[in-house]
Amino acid sequence: MKNKITLKELAKLLNVSVSTVSKALHDSPEISPKTAERVKELAKLHNYRPNPVAVNLKSSKSGTIGVIIPNISNTFFANVLLGIEARAQKSGLQVITYISNEKLEREQQIAEMLTSGFVDGVLIAISEETQRKKEYDHLFNLVDYDIPVVLYDRINLDLQVDKIGIDDEYSLEEATRMLQSRGIKKIGIATSIHHLGVGKLRITGYRNALKNRDDFYIANSSKPDSLREKTQKLLVEDKVEAILCTDFVSTMMVYRLAYENKISIPKDLKVIGFLNADVARFLTPSISYVEQFPEEIGEQAVDLLVNRIENRIAGKQPINKTINTKLIHLESTDF
C-alpha cells in the first residue's frame, strides 16, 4: 500500500527541510521538542508510515548489500571496493555494485531500485553532481524506507546515517604545517575537486595553517585547461616553493607543468599529493602523499552496515568514524 504522504510532502507542508522531518521522526536531539511535536502530529494526521518494503526487510534478509561507487576509474574508490568485497565475504554477504559516474540522475535511479527490497543495506559515496546541485531527496527516501545506509568518504551531508571517512581538513593542515616547520613560506594548493565537500575541507585545512591571507595561493578548476592555466601561474609567476594537491588530477598536472617549465622537484618545488601509493612510488621523482587507507575505509564501512542490519546498534544515534591519515614522505619532499 502506498504511503498517503511522503517525507518530501510533509516537509513542504511544514515549510521545513526533508532532513528536519527525517530527524524529527527519528527523535534526533538536533530538533527542538516543539518542531518534533509538529512533525509527528502532522505525520499522524496524514497516516504517514514507512514504506511496507521496510517491514519485509526487517522480517527477512537477502544476504546482499548494495554499493554505489561514484567513479570506478578513481583508484581510491577501486581500493575502497576491494575492502568492501573482502569484509563482505567474511561476513557472508554478497555485494551488488553500481556506478553513478558522478551523475545525479543515475544515482537517483540506483537509489530507487534499491528501495525494492532486494538488498539489506546500502553503502554510498555521493556523486559530484548530487553535491553540486544539492539534491538529496533520493537519499532521504532510502532512510524513509528504513533501509540501513552508510555514507563513506564523501560524508559532508546532513543525513542521519552512519558515516566513515578521513579527516580531510586536518590532513592538509598537517601537511602545510610540516612544510612551514622546514622553512617553506610560499605554499600553494592545486585542486580539481574544490566544489566537492572533501575538496572544500582540504582547502580549509590548508588555509587554517597559513599565517596571513597574503600567503593564500590556489589553482582551482574542474576543467583541465583552466586548471592547467591556473597551476602554471602558481609555478611560473607566483613561484611557490611547495604545492599541495588535493586529488590525482591536480597532482599529475603539477608534475607535468614542473617538467615543461624545467622546475626541479624537489630542489625548486616540494610536492605533496592525494593519490594511490603504487602510482606515487613509481613516478620520478616519487611523490610524497597523504595515505587515506581506502581498503580500511571499505572494511569498516561494511562493519558499520552489518551492525545496523543485525540491529546491534538499533535506536542509537548515527556513528561518525574517522580513519587517521598518514603523510608519507618520498622524494618530492626531500630537504
Protein backbone atom coordinates (compact mmCIF):
# COMPACT_ATOMS: atom_id res chain seq x y z
CA MET A 1 0.00 0.00 0.00
CA LYS A 2 1.38 3.37 -0.96
CA ASN A 3 2.12 5.97 1.69
CA LYS A 4 -0.56 8.62 1.93
CA ILE A 5 2.19 11.19 2.29
CA THR A 6 5.94 11.23 1.74
CA LEU A 7 8.74 12.85 3.70
CA LYS A 8 9.09 15.47 0.97
CA GLU A 9 5.37 16.32 1.13
CA LEU A 10 5.46 16.55 4.93
CA ALA A 11 8.43 18.91 4.71
CA LYS A 12 6.63 21.11 2.19
CA LEU A 13 3.52 21.35 4.36
CA LEU A 14 5.62 22.28 7.40
CA ASN A 15 7.92 24.62 5.46
CA VAL A 16 11.00 22.82 6.74
CA SER A 17 13.66 20.66 5.09
CA VAL A 18 13.30 16.95 4.41
CA SER A 19 16.28 16.49 6.72
CA THR A 20 14.40 18.18 9.58
CA VAL A 21 11.37 15.91 9.10
CA SER A 22 13.55 12.80 8.97
CA LYS A 23 15.44 13.80 12.12
CA ALA A 24 12.22 14.64 13.97
CA LEU A 25 10.68 11.27 13.15
CA HIS A 26 13.85 9.54 14.33
CA ASP A 27 13.96 11.53 17.61
CA SER A 28 17.19 13.37 16.81
CA PRO A 29 18.33 15.66 19.65
CA GLU A 30 19.19 18.28 17.00
CA ILE A 31 15.48 19.03 16.57
CA SER A 32 13.64 21.11 19.17
CA PRO A 33 10.79 19.37 21.04
CA LYS A 34 8.31 21.89 19.60
CA THR A 35 9.32 21.16 15.99
CA ALA A 36 9.42 17.42 16.60
CA GLU A 37 5.91 17.54 18.01
CA ARG A 38 4.63 19.48 14.96
CA VAL A 39 6.19 16.96 12.59
CA LYS A 40 4.84 13.93 14.44
CA GLU A 41 1.35 15.40 14.75
CA LEU A 42 1.18 16.10 11.01
CA ALA A 43 2.61 12.67 10.18
CA LYS A 44 -0.05 11.05 12.37
CA LEU A 45 -2.80 13.22 10.87
CA HIS A 46 -1.84 12.08 7.36
CA ASN A 47 -1.33 8.47 8.45
CA TYR A 48 2.34 8.57 7.49
CA ARG A 49 4.03 5.16 7.59
CA PRO A 50 7.42 3.89 6.37
CA ASN A 51 7.12 2.04 3.08
CA PRO A 52 5.92 -1.59 3.50
CA VAL A 53 9.21 -2.76 1.95
CA ALA A 54 10.84 -1.84 5.24
CA VAL A 55 8.70 -4.38 7.07
CA ASN A 56 9.82 -7.06 4.65
CA LEU A 57 13.45 -6.08 5.10
CA LYS A 58 13.17 -6.48 8.85
CA SER A 59 11.42 -9.87 8.71
CA SER A 60 13.61 -11.49 6.03
CA LYS A 61 17.13 -10.75 4.83
CA SER A 62 18.56 -11.22 1.37
CA GLY A 63 22.19 -11.57 2.42
CA THR A 64 23.07 -8.88 -0.13
CA ILE A 65 24.25 -5.29 0.21
CA GLY A 66 24.28 -2.57 -2.44
CA VAL A 67 27.35 -0.40 -3.04
CA ILE A 68 27.26 2.83 -5.03
CA ILE A 69 30.63 3.94 -6.40
CA PRO A 70 30.83 7.42 -7.97
CA ASN A 71 33.85 6.80 -10.18
CA ILE A 72 35.41 3.38 -10.68
CA SER A 73 38.35 4.82 -12.66
CA ASN A 74 39.46 6.57 -9.47
CA THR A 75 41.93 4.20 -7.80
CA PHE A 76 40.83 5.38 -4.36
CA PHE A 77 37.30 4.08 -4.90
CA ALA A 78 38.60 0.91 -6.55
CA ASN A 79 40.58 0.20 -3.38
CA VAL A 80 37.62 1.05 -1.15
CA LEU A 81 35.66 -1.55 -3.13
CA LEU A 82 38.42 -4.12 -2.50
CA GLY A 83 37.98 -3.57 1.23
CA ILE A 84 34.20 -3.78 0.95
CA GLU A 85 34.34 -7.03 -1.01
CA ALA A 86 36.84 -8.64 1.38
CA ARG A 87 34.90 -7.78 4.54
CA ALA A 88 31.52 -8.63 3.00
CA GLN A 89 32.82 -12.07 2.03
CA LYS A 90 33.98 -12.68 5.60
CA SER A 91 30.53 -11.59 6.80
CA GLY A 92 28.78 -13.98 4.41
CA LEU A 93 27.33 -11.17 2.30
CA GLN A 94 27.04 -10.76 -1.44
CA VAL A 95 27.82 -7.36 -2.97
CA ILE A 96 25.97 -5.70 -5.84
CA THR A 97 28.00 -2.78 -7.16
CA TYR A 98 26.57 0.20 -9.02
CA ILE A 99 28.47 3.08 -10.62
CA SER A 100 26.85 6.51 -10.67
CA ASN A 101 29.54 8.02 -12.93
CA GLU A 102 29.25 11.20 -10.84
CA LYS A 103 25.72 11.77 -12.22
CA LEU A 104 22.70 12.75 -10.10
CA GLU A 105 20.12 11.12 -12.37
CA ARG A 106 21.94 7.78 -12.38
CA GLU A 107 22.32 7.93 -8.60
CA GLN A 108 18.59 8.60 -8.26
CA GLN A 109 17.79 5.62 -10.49
CA ILE A 110 20.02 3.34 -8.44
CA ALA A 111 18.53 4.55 -5.15
CA GLU A 112 15.02 3.90 -6.46
CA MET A 113 15.98 0.35 -7.46
CA LEU A 114 17.48 -0.29 -4.04
CA THR A 115 14.16 0.51 -2.31
CA SER A 116 12.58 -2.61 -3.87
CA GLY A 117 13.79 -4.79 -1.01
CA PHE A 118 16.46 -6.99 -2.58
CA VAL A 119 19.33 -5.56 -0.50
CA ASP A 120 19.71 -5.48 3.27
CA GLY A 121 21.63 -2.20 3.30
CA VAL A 122 23.46 0.36 1.17
CA LEU A 123 26.96 1.86 1.12
CA ILE A 124 27.23 5.07 -0.88
CA ALA A 125 29.72 7.78 -1.83
CA ILE A 126 27.69 10.67 -3.21
CA SER A 127 28.23 11.79 -6.80
CA GLU A 128 29.77 15.13 -7.80
CA GLU A 129 26.57 16.31 -9.48
CA THR A 130 24.46 15.43 -6.45
CA GLN A 131 26.69 17.56 -4.24
CA ARG A 132 26.83 20.41 -6.74
CA LYS A 133 23.04 20.56 -7.16
CA LYS A 134 22.37 19.71 -3.50
CA GLU A 135 19.53 17.36 -4.41
CA TYR A 136 19.38 14.67 -1.75
CA ASP A 137 15.73 13.56 -1.66
CA HIS A 138 16.57 10.11 -3.06
CA LEU A 139 18.96 9.54 -0.16
CA PHE A 140 16.40 10.63 2.42
CA ASN A 141 13.99 8.29 0.67
CA LEU A 142 16.27 5.33 1.39
CA VAL A 143 16.19 6.26 5.07
CA ASP A 144 12.41 6.71 4.83
CA TYR A 145 12.16 3.10 3.60
CA ASP A 146 14.07 2.09 6.73
CA ILE A 147 16.99 0.71 4.71
CA PRO A 148 20.30 0.87 6.62
CA VAL A 149 22.63 3.33 4.88
CA VAL A 150 26.31 4.13 5.45
CA LEU A 151 28.00 7.07 3.72
CA TYR A 152 31.71 6.62 3.00
CA ASP A 153 34.39 9.14 2.01
CA ARG A 154 32.02 11.89 0.84
CA ILE A 155 30.29 12.33 4.14
CA ASN A 156 29.79 16.08 4.40
CA LEU A 157 25.98 15.77 4.28
CA ASP A 158 23.33 16.39 6.93
CA LEU A 159 21.80 12.91 6.72
CA GLN A 160 21.10 10.92 9.89
CA VAL A 161 23.04 7.78 8.97
CA ASP A 162 26.37 6.22 9.89
CA LYS A 163 29.40 7.72 8.14
CA ILE A 164 33.04 6.86 7.68
CA GLY A 165 35.86 8.86 6.10
CA ILE A 166 39.12 10.62 6.78
CA ASP A 167 39.72 13.96 8.46
CA ASP A 168 40.22 15.85 5.19
CA GLU A 169 40.67 19.19 6.89
CA TYR A 170 43.33 18.04 9.34
CA SER A 171 45.29 16.08 6.72
CA LEU A 172 46.06 19.22 4.67
CA GLU A 173 46.56 21.40 7.72
CA GLU A 174 49.14 18.93 9.00
CA ALA A 175 50.89 18.80 5.62
CA THR A 176 51.03 22.60 5.42
CA ARG A 177 52.44 22.94 8.93
CA MET A 178 55.08 20.31 8.20
CA LEU A 179 56.31 22.33 5.23
CA GLN A 180 56.29 25.52 7.30
CA SER A 181 58.33 23.83 10.01
CA ARG A 182 61.02 23.14 7.40
CA GLY A 183 61.24 26.82 6.46
CA ILE A 184 58.92 26.81 3.44
CA LYS A 185 56.92 30.05 3.35
CA LYS A 186 55.29 30.23 -0.08
CA ILE A 187 52.94 27.25 -0.23
CA GLY A 188 50.21 26.84 -2.84
CA ILE A 189 47.35 24.42 -3.35
CA ALA A 190 46.04 22.87 -6.59
CA THR A 191 42.65 21.19 -6.80
CA SER A 192 40.14 19.88 -9.32
CA ILE A 193 37.66 18.93 -6.58
CA HIS A 194 37.17 22.33 -4.90
CA HIS A 195 33.40 22.05 -5.48
CA LEU A 196 33.11 18.78 -3.52
CA GLY A 197 32.79 18.51 0.24
CA VAL A 198 36.14 16.74 0.62
CA GLY A 199 37.84 19.33 -1.58
CA LYS A 200 36.43 22.22 0.43
CA LEU A 201 37.62 20.64 3.68
CA ARG A 202 41.13 20.11 2.33
CA ILE A 203 41.32 23.73 1.20
CA THR A 204 40.09 24.82 4.64
CA GLY A 205 42.82 22.78 6.32
CA TYR A 206 45.47 24.41 4.15
CA ARG A 207 44.03 27.86 4.83
CA ASN A 208 43.90 27.23 8.60
CA ALA A 209 47.66 26.71 8.68
CA LEU A 210 48.52 29.93 6.84
CA LYS A 211 49.84 32.81 8.87
CA ASN A 212 48.06 35.54 6.87
CA ARG A 213 45.74 35.97 3.88
CA ASP A 214 48.51 37.06 1.53
CA ASP A 215 50.02 33.58 1.83
CA PHE A 216 46.99 32.01 0.06
CA TYR A 217 47.82 30.70 -3.43
CA ILE A 218 45.31 28.48 -5.19
CA ALA A 219 44.75 26.88 -8.60
CA ASN A 220 41.21 25.52 -8.66
CA SER A 221 39.15 24.22 -11.57
CA SER A 222 37.40 21.02 -12.58
CA LYS A 223 38.18 21.86 -16.23
CA PRO A 224 41.64 20.61 -17.32
CA ASP A 225 42.54 23.64 -19.46
CA SER A 226 41.60 26.10 -16.74
CA LEU A 227 43.39 24.08 -14.06
CA ARG A 228 46.47 23.99 -16.26
CA GLU A 229 46.45 27.77 -16.74
CA LYS A 230 46.00 28.49 -13.04
CA THR A 231 48.60 25.94 -11.96
CA GLN A 232 51.07 27.39 -14.50
CA LYS A 233 50.61 30.78 -12.82
CA LEU A 234 51.35 29.31 -9.37
CA LEU A 235 54.53 27.68 -10.57
CA VAL A 236 55.91 30.29 -13.01
CA GLU A 237 54.58 33.69 -11.89
CA ASP A 238 53.94 33.20 -8.18
CA LYS A 239 56.92 30.85 -7.87
CA VAL A 240 55.55 28.88 -4.95
CA GLU A 241 58.15 26.85 -3.05
CA ALA A 242 55.76 23.98 -2.36
CA ILE A 243 52.37 22.87 -3.60
CA LEU A 244 49.68 20.68 -2.07
CA CYS A 245 47.48 18.72 -4.48
CA THR A 246 44.06 17.62 -3.26
CA ASP A 247 43.49 14.88 -5.84
CA PHE A 248 45.04 12.72 -8.57
CA VAL A 249 44.31 15.10 -11.45
CA SER A 250 45.89 18.15 -9.81
CA THR A 251 48.91 16.10 -8.71
CA MET A 252 49.58 14.91 -12.26
CA MET A 253 49.04 18.43 -13.60
CA VAL A 254 51.66 19.85 -11.24
CA TYR A 255 54.17 17.18 -12.23
CA ARG A 256 53.62 17.75 -15.94
CA LEU A 257 53.92 21.53 -15.70
CA ALA A 258 57.00 21.33 -13.49
CA TYR A 259 58.63 19.18 -16.18
CA GLU A 260 57.58 21.53 -19.01
CA ASN A 261 58.90 24.59 -17.17
CA LYS A 262 62.14 22.91 -16.10
CA ILE A 263 61.24 23.26 -12.41
CA SER A 264 63.20 20.70 -10.45
CA ILE A 265 61.32 18.58 -7.89
CA PRO A 266 62.24 18.63 -5.03
CA LYS A 267 65.09 21.15 -5.43
CA ASP A 268 62.90 24.04 -6.62
CA LEU A 269 59.48 22.73 -5.66
CA LYS A 270 58.19 20.41 -2.95
CA VAL A 271 55.04 18.43 -3.81
CA ILE A 272 52.51 16.55 -1.68
CA GLY A 273 49.59 14.82 -3.36
CA PHE A 274 46.50 12.70 -2.82
CA LEU A 275 46.96 9.58 -4.91
CA ASN A 276 47.47 5.84 -4.82
CA ALA A 277 50.67 4.56 -3.23
CA ASP A 278 51.52 2.38 -6.25
CA VAL A 279 51.43 5.43 -8.53
CA ALA A 280 53.29 7.69 -6.11
CA ARG A 281 56.23 5.34 -5.63
CA PHE A 282 56.88 4.63 -9.31
CA LEU A 283 57.00 8.20 -10.62
CA THR A 284 60.30 10.02 -10.94
CA PRO A 285 60.82 11.61 -8.55
CA SER A 286 58.44 9.67 -6.32
CA ILE A 287 55.60 11.78 -4.87
CA SER A 288 55.03 12.33 -1.18
CA TYR A 289 51.36 11.68 -0.49
CA VAL A 290 48.60 11.51 2.08
CA GLU A 291 47.78 7.84 2.72
CA GLN A 292 44.00 7.53 3.15
CA PHE A 293 43.82 3.77 3.79
CA PRO A 294 40.93 3.19 1.37
CA GLU A 295 40.70 -0.56 1.96
CA GLU A 296 40.29 0.05 5.69
CA ILE A 297 37.52 2.56 4.94
CA GLY A 298 35.76 -0.12 2.89
CA GLU A 299 36.15 -2.77 5.58
CA GLN A 300 34.90 -0.57 8.40
CA ALA A 301 32.02 0.72 6.28
CA VAL A 302 30.81 -2.87 5.95
CA ASP A 303 31.20 -3.38 9.72
CA LEU A 304 29.01 -0.34 10.39
CA LEU A 305 26.39 -1.55 7.93
CA VAL A 306 26.33 -5.11 9.28
CA ASN A 307 25.84 -3.79 12.80
CA ARG A 308 22.82 -1.80 11.62
CA ILE A 309 21.41 -4.71 9.64
CA GLU A 310 21.75 -7.03 12.63
CA ASN A 311 20.25 -4.38 14.95
CA ARG A 312 23.36 -4.42 17.13
CA ILE A 313 23.18 -0.64 17.39
CA ALA A 314 19.49 -0.14 16.62
CA GLY A 315 17.99 3.03 18.04
CA LYS A 316 21.36 4.62 18.74
CA GLN A 317 22.44 7.91 17.22
CA PRO A 318 24.36 7.74 13.93
CA ILE A 319 28.04 6.90 14.24
CA ASN A 320 30.73 9.01 12.57
CA LYS A 321 34.03 7.16 12.22
CA THR A 322 37.29 8.80 11.19
CA ILE A 323 40.22 6.93 9.68
CA ASN A 324 43.50 8.64 10.53
CA THR A 325 45.61 9.57 7.52
CA LYS A 326 49.40 9.39 7.33
CA LEU A 327 51.75 11.69 5.47
CA ILE A 328 54.18 9.50 3.51
CA HIS A 329 57.44 11.26 2.66
CA LEU A 330 59.05 10.25 -0.62
CA GLU A 331 61.47 12.06 -2.95
CA SER A 332 59.24 15.08 -3.74
CA THR A 333 59.69 16.43 -0.19
CA ASP A 334 63.39 15.73 0.26
CA PHE A 335 65.11 18.58 2.08
